[in-house]
Amino acid sequence: MIIAIVKAKIISGKQEELRTIADKLQYEYAPQEEGCEQYESFIDGSTFITLERWKNQNVLDKHLKTKHVEEFVPQMRNCVEGGEFSVQFIKTTDVSFVTL
């Protein structure tokens, strides 16, 4: 199992736009994806957080190559400071931190 905790600071005034995009991923796409065990997005003031849980690395890799990720992630980047997300990956054997 792999858990991804995605965080970013939202550009002022972009909360609703980001919420609309995040809702599409959470409610329209994630439930249909093989190996997706959890996908929830939250906005708290200027903080955006998504919690994802995937069965394994293979299904996560497939998710990252889907048409909807390629379409919506760039739109989400336009809503967050620096266009970057901080992602913490928790795997069964280790924890790693990256900036995307």
Protein backbone atom coordinates (compact mmCIF):
# COMPACT_ATOMS: atom_id res chain seq x y z
CA MET A 1 0.00 0.00 0.00
CA ILE A 2 1.12 3.54 -0.76
CA ILE A 3 -0.29 6.65 0.89
CA ALA A 4 0.26 10.04 -0.73
CA ILE A 5 -0.34 13.21 1.27
CA VAL A 6 -0.45 16.15 -1.14
CA LYS A 7 -0.28 19.71 0.23
CA ALA A 8 -0.08 23.19 -1.27
CA LYS A 9 -0.76 26.81 -0.41
CA ILE A 10 -3.66 28.17 -2.45
CA ILE A 11 -3.33 31.47 -4.31
CA SER A 12 -5.72 34.01 -2.79
CA GLY A 13 -9.08 33.91 -4.54
CA LYS A 14 -8.47 30.51 -6.19
CA GLN A 15 -10.16 28.33 -3.54
CA GLU A 16 -13.41 27.80 -5.45
CA GLU A 17 -11.66 27.05 -8.74
CA LEU A 18 -9.41 24.53 -7.02
CA ARG A 19 -12.35 22.97 -5.18
CA THR A 20 -14.22 22.47 -8.47
CA ILE A 21 -11.25 20.69 -10.06
CA ALA A 22 -10.48 18.62 -6.96
CA ASP A 23 -14.13 17.52 -6.72
CA LYS A 24 -14.01 16.19 -10.29
CA LEU A 25 -11.00 14.04 -9.45
CA GLN A 26 -12.41 12.92 -6.10
CA TYR A 27 -15.98 12.13 -7.12
CA GLU A 28 -15.92 11.43 -10.86
CA TYR A 29 -12.58 9.68 -11.46
CA ALA A 30 -10.98 8.25 -8.30
CA PRO A 31 -13.86 5.88 -7.45
CA GLN A 32 -13.51 4.30 -10.90
CA GLU A 33 -9.74 3.75 -10.75
CA GLU A 34 -8.39 0.29 -10.14
CA GLY A 35 -6.43 0.09 -6.90
CA CYS A 36 -7.62 3.44 -5.51
CA GLU A 37 -8.57 2.78 -1.89
CA GLN A 38 -8.95 6.42 -0.78
CA TYR A 39 -8.93 9.81 -2.50
CA GLU A 40 -10.11 12.81 -0.51
CA SER A 41 -9.36 16.51 -0.98
CA PHE A 42 -9.72 19.24 1.63
CA ILE A 43 -9.42 23.01 1.63
CA ASP A 44 -8.78 24.76 4.93
CA GLY A 45 -8.39 28.49 4.37
CA SER A 46 -5.37 28.78 2.08
CA THR A 47 -4.24 25.17 2.52
CA PHE A 48 -5.06 22.40 0.05
CA ILE A 49 -4.62 18.76 1.08
CA THR A 50 -5.35 15.52 -0.73
CA LEU A 51 -5.07 12.12 0.95
CA GLU A 52 -4.63 9.23 -1.44
CA ARG A 53 -4.26 5.53 -0.71
CA TRP A 54 -3.26 3.15 -3.51
CA LYS A 55 -3.01 -0.63 -3.52
CA ASN A 56 0.56 -0.60 -4.88
CA GLN A 57 3.09 1.39 -6.92
CA ASN A 58 1.87 -0.07 -10.20
CA VAL A 59 -1.68 1.29 -9.82
CA LEU A 60 -0.33 4.66 -8.62
CA ASP A 61 1.91 4.85 -11.70
CA LYS A 62 -1.09 4.08 -13.93
CA HIS A 63 -3.11 6.79 -12.16
CA LEU A 64 -0.39 9.38 -12.77
CA LYS A 65 -0.49 8.62 -16.52
CA THR A 66 -4.28 8.87 -16.93
CA LYS A 67 -5.82 11.44 -19.24
CA HIS A 68 -7.72 13.08 -16.39
CA VAL A 69 -4.56 13.58 -14.29
CA GLU A 70 -2.77 15.05 -17.33
CA GLU A 71 -5.73 17.38 -17.88
CA PHE A 72 -6.58 18.50 -14.37
CA VAL A 73 -3.26 18.65 -12.50
CA PRO A 74 -1.94 21.55 -14.64
CA GLN A 75 -5.20 23.38 -13.92
CA MET A 76 -4.68 22.74 -10.21
CA ARG A 77 -1.09 24.01 -10.44
CA ASN A 78 -2.49 27.35 -11.65
CA CYS A 79 -4.34 27.62 -8.33
CA VAL A 80 -1.43 27.04 -5.95
CA GLU A 81 1.61 29.12 -5.10
CA GLY A 82 4.57 28.39 -7.33
CA GLY A 83 2.51 25.75 -9.12
CA GLU A 84 3.96 23.19 -6.72
CA PHE A 85 2.58 20.48 -4.48
CA SER A 86 4.49 19.02 -1.55
CA VAL A 87 3.93 15.27 -1.50
CA GLN A 88 4.73 12.83 1.27
CA PHE A 89 4.72 9.17 0.24
CA ILE A 90 4.27 6.54 2.91
CA LYS A 91 5.09 3.03 1.74
CA THR A 92 5.07 -0.21 3.66
CA THR A 93 8.85 0.01 4.18
CA ASP A 94 9.80 3.68 4.10
CA VAL A 95 8.73 7.33 4.03
CA SER A 96 9.94 9.85 1.43
CA PHE A 97 9.37 13.55 0.79
CA VAL A 98 9.38 15.31 -2.59
CA THR A 99 8.32 18.61 -4.13
CA LEU A 100 6.54 18.31 -7.47
